Amino acid sequence: MRLPAVASNPPVIVIGILDIPSQILRPMGESEASKAEVLAEKPTAEFRETLFSMLVQAPKKGDEIIALDRDGVPHYRVLDAKPDGVSHIICQLAPL
């Protein structure tokens, strides 16, 4: 994955895990026939904390992540980035 350049950070290529689990959302309704199912994706990216230092900043809210190895090279915006308390940084993403 690539973290593109922003005013304070040059672009950086790091290896992480991109997970895009699907979730079926079922609205509540009066009739079973009127219920529609919606498929929602909740992408996350996981990086080892040791990949980042004073020179290479960890992803933060608002950063852009590009999945270079995925079909169509999708771009994502970081909604939230937090350490997992062990050795990884977990980023909640939104597709761009």
C-alpha atoms as a PDB file:
ATOM      1  CA  MET A   1       0.000   0.000   0.000  1.00  0.00           C
ATOM      2  CA  ARG A   2       1.150   3.527  -0.599  1.00  0.00           C
ATOM      3  CA  LEU A   3       0.574   6.541   1.602  1.00  0.00           C
ATOM      4  CA  PRO A   4       0.630   9.523  -0.816  1.00  0.00           C
ATOM      5  CA  ALA A   5       2.409  12.782  -0.205  1.00  0.00           C
ATOM      6  CA  VAL A   6       0.712  15.528   1.748  1.00  0.00           C
ATOM      7  CA  ALA A   7       2.107  18.882   2.810  1.00  0.00           C
ATOM      8  CA  SER A   8       3.910  17.375   5.813  1.00  0.00           C
ATOM      9  CA  ASN A   9       4.605  13.827   4.554  1.00  0.00           C
ATOM     10  CA  PRO A  10       6.329  12.556   1.394  1.00  0.00           C
ATOM     11  CA  PRO A  11       4.760   9.459  -0.242  1.00  0.00           C
ATOM     12  CA  VAL A  12       5.726   6.195   1.465  1.00  0.00           C
ATOM     13  CA  ILE A  13       5.309   2.595   0.355  1.00  0.00           C
ATOM     14  CA  VAL A  14       4.602   0.175   3.217  1.00  0.00           C
ATOM     15  CA  ILE A  15       3.272  -3.361   3.365  1.00  0.00           C
ATOM     16  CA  GLY A  16       0.129  -3.907   5.388  1.00  0.00           C
ATOM     17  CA  ILE A  17      -3.007  -6.004   5.512  1.00  0.00           C
ATOM     18  CA  LEU A  18      -6.104  -4.625   3.785  1.00  0.00           C
ATOM     19  CA  ASP A  19      -9.302  -6.298   4.971  1.00  0.00           C
ATOM     20  CA  ILE A  20     -12.658  -5.522   3.368  1.00  0.00           C
ATOM     21  CA  PRO A  21     -15.312  -7.498   5.251  1.00  0.00           C
ATOM     22  CA  SER A  22     -18.862  -7.300   3.934  1.00  0.00           C
ATOM     23  CA  GLN A  23     -21.815  -6.826   6.226  1.00  0.00           C
ATOM     24  CA  ILE A  24     -25.459  -7.340   5.270  1.00  0.00           C
ATOM     25  CA  LEU A  25     -27.712  -4.615   6.633  1.00  0.00           C
ATOM     26  CA  ARG A  26     -31.389  -5.508   7.038  1.00  0.00           C
ATOM     27  CA  PRO A  27     -33.773  -2.629   7.723  1.00  0.00           C
ATOM     28  CA  MET A  28     -36.677  -3.095  10.112  1.00  0.00           C
ATOM     29  CA  GLY A  29     -40.105  -2.978   8.482  1.00  0.00           C
ATOM     30  CA  GLU A  30     -43.729  -4.017   8.723  1.00  0.00           C
ATOM     31  CA  SER A  31     -43.686  -6.566   5.940  1.00  0.00           C
ATOM     32  CA  GLU A  32     -41.105  -9.235   5.199  1.00  0.00           C
ATOM     33  CA  ALA A  33     -41.646  -8.606   1.478  1.00  0.00           C
ATOM     34  CA  SER A  34     -40.764  -4.927   1.820  1.00  0.00           C
ATOM     35  CA  LYS A  35     -37.397  -5.550   3.483  1.00  0.00           C
ATOM     36  CA  ALA A  36     -34.351  -4.969   1.309  1.00  0.00           C
ATOM     37  CA  GLU A  37     -30.862  -6.103   2.121  1.00  0.00           C
ATOM     38  CA  VAL A  38     -27.920  -3.781   1.625  1.00  0.00           C
ATOM     39  CA  LEU A  39     -24.326  -4.960   1.410  1.00  0.00           C
ATOM     40  CA  ALA A  40     -21.922  -2.639   3.241  1.00  0.00           C
ATOM     41  CA  GLU A  41     -18.133  -2.815   3.237  1.00  0.00           C
ATOM     42  CA  LYS A  42     -16.078  -1.763   6.260  1.00  0.00           C
ATOM     43  CA  PRO A  43     -12.458  -1.682   5.062  1.00  0.00           C
ATOM     44  CA  THR A  44      -9.547  -1.652   7.501  1.00  0.00           C
ATOM     45  CA  ALA A  45      -5.781  -1.579   7.057  1.00  0.00           C
ATOM     46  CA  GLU A  46      -3.333  -2.969   9.572  1.00  0.00           C
ATOM     47  CA  PHE A  47       0.351  -1.998   9.766  1.00  0.00           C
ATOM     48  CA  ARG A  48       3.168  -3.040  12.089  1.00  0.00           C
ATOM     49  CA  GLU A  49       4.150  -0.136  14.350  1.00  0.00           C
ATOM     50  CA  THR A  50       7.836  -0.819  13.632  1.00  0.00           C
ATOM     51  CA  LEU A  51       7.326   0.394  10.021  1.00  0.00           C
ATOM     52  CA  PHE A  52       7.015   3.964  11.278  1.00  0.00           C
ATOM     53  CA  SER A  53       9.489   6.311  12.930  1.00  0.00           C
ATOM     54  CA  MET A  54      10.261  10.004  13.308  1.00  0.00           C
ATOM     55  CA  LEU A  55      11.027  10.149   9.554  1.00  0.00           C
ATOM     56  CA  VAL A  56       8.034   8.083   8.382  1.00  0.00           C
ATOM     57  CA  GLN A  57       4.867   9.111  10.193  1.00  0.00           C
ATOM     58  CA  ALA A  58       2.154   6.550  10.919  1.00  0.00           C
ATOM     59  CA  PRO A  59      -1.172   7.008   9.112  1.00  0.00           C
ATOM     60  CA  LYS A  60      -3.574   9.433  10.750  1.00  0.00           C
ATOM     61  CA  LYS A  61      -7.139  10.634  10.222  1.00  0.00           C
ATOM     62  CA  GLY A  62      -7.504  12.259   6.815  1.00  0.00           C
ATOM     63  CA  ASP A  63      -4.529  10.514   5.172  1.00  0.00           C
ATOM     64  CA  GLU A  64      -5.012   8.688   1.895  1.00  0.00           C
ATOM     65  CA  ILE A  65      -4.042   5.039   1.387  1.00  0.00           C
ATOM     66  CA  ILE A  66      -3.681   3.455  -2.051  1.00  0.00           C
ATOM     67  CA  ALA A  67      -3.870  -0.335  -2.386  1.00  0.00           C
ATOM     68  CA  LEU A  68      -1.303  -0.874  -5.150  1.00  0.00           C
ATOM     69  CA  ASP A  69      -1.798  -4.637  -5.380  1.00  0.00           C
ATOM     70  CA  ARG A  70      -5.605  -4.606  -5.734  1.00  0.00           C
ATOM     71  CA  ASP A  71      -7.516  -4.555  -9.037  1.00  0.00           C
ATOM     72  CA  GLY A  72      -8.337  -0.982  -9.996  1.00  0.00           C
ATOM     73  CA  VAL A  73      -5.796   0.353  -7.432  1.00  0.00           C
ATOM     74  CA  PRO A  74      -8.457   1.596  -4.981  1.00  0.00           C
ATOM     75  CA  HIS A  75      -7.912   4.709  -2.871  1.00  0.00           C
ATOM     76  CA  TYR A  76      -9.094   5.028   0.726  1.00  0.00           C
ATOM     77  CA  ARG A  77      -9.326   7.847   3.273  1.00  0.00           C
ATOM     78  CA  VAL A  78      -8.279   7.084   6.862  1.00  0.00           C
ATOM     79  CA  LEU A  79     -11.249   7.726   9.167  1.00  0.00           C
ATOM     80  CA  ASP A  80      -9.447   6.634  12.329  1.00  0.00           C
ATOM     81  CA  ALA A  81      -6.029   5.174  13.179  1.00  0.00           C
ATOM     82  CA  LYS A  82      -5.238   3.653  16.564  1.00  0.00           C
ATOM     83  CA  PRO A  83      -2.644   1.259  17.965  1.00  0.00           C
ATOM     84  CA  ASP A  84      -4.063  -2.126  18.914  1.00  0.00           C
ATOM     85  CA  GLY A  85      -2.076  -2.164  22.157  1.00  0.00           C
ATOM     86  CA  VAL A  86       0.236  -4.932  20.972  1.00  0.00           C
ATOM     87  CA  SER A  87       2.309  -4.061  17.901  1.00  0.00           C
ATOM     88  CA  HIS A  88       0.015  -2.870  15.112  1.00  0.00           C
ATOM     89  CA  ILE A  89      -1.801   0.265  13.965  1.00  0.00           C
ATOM     90  CA  ILE A  90      -5.364  -0.370  12.820  1.00  0.00           C
ATOM     91  CA  CYS A  91      -6.904   2.114  10.353  1.00  0.00           C
ATOM     92  CA  GLN A  92     -10.623   2.364   9.681  1.00  0.00           C
ATOM     93  CA  LEU A  93     -11.029   3.353   6.022  1.00  0.00           C
ATOM     94  CA  ALA A  94     -13.583   4.836   3.636  1.00  0.00           C
ATOM     95  CA  PRO A  95     -13.354   4.339  -0.142  1.00  0.00           C
ATOM     96  CA  LEU A  96     -12.663   7.425  -2.252  1.00  0.00           C
END
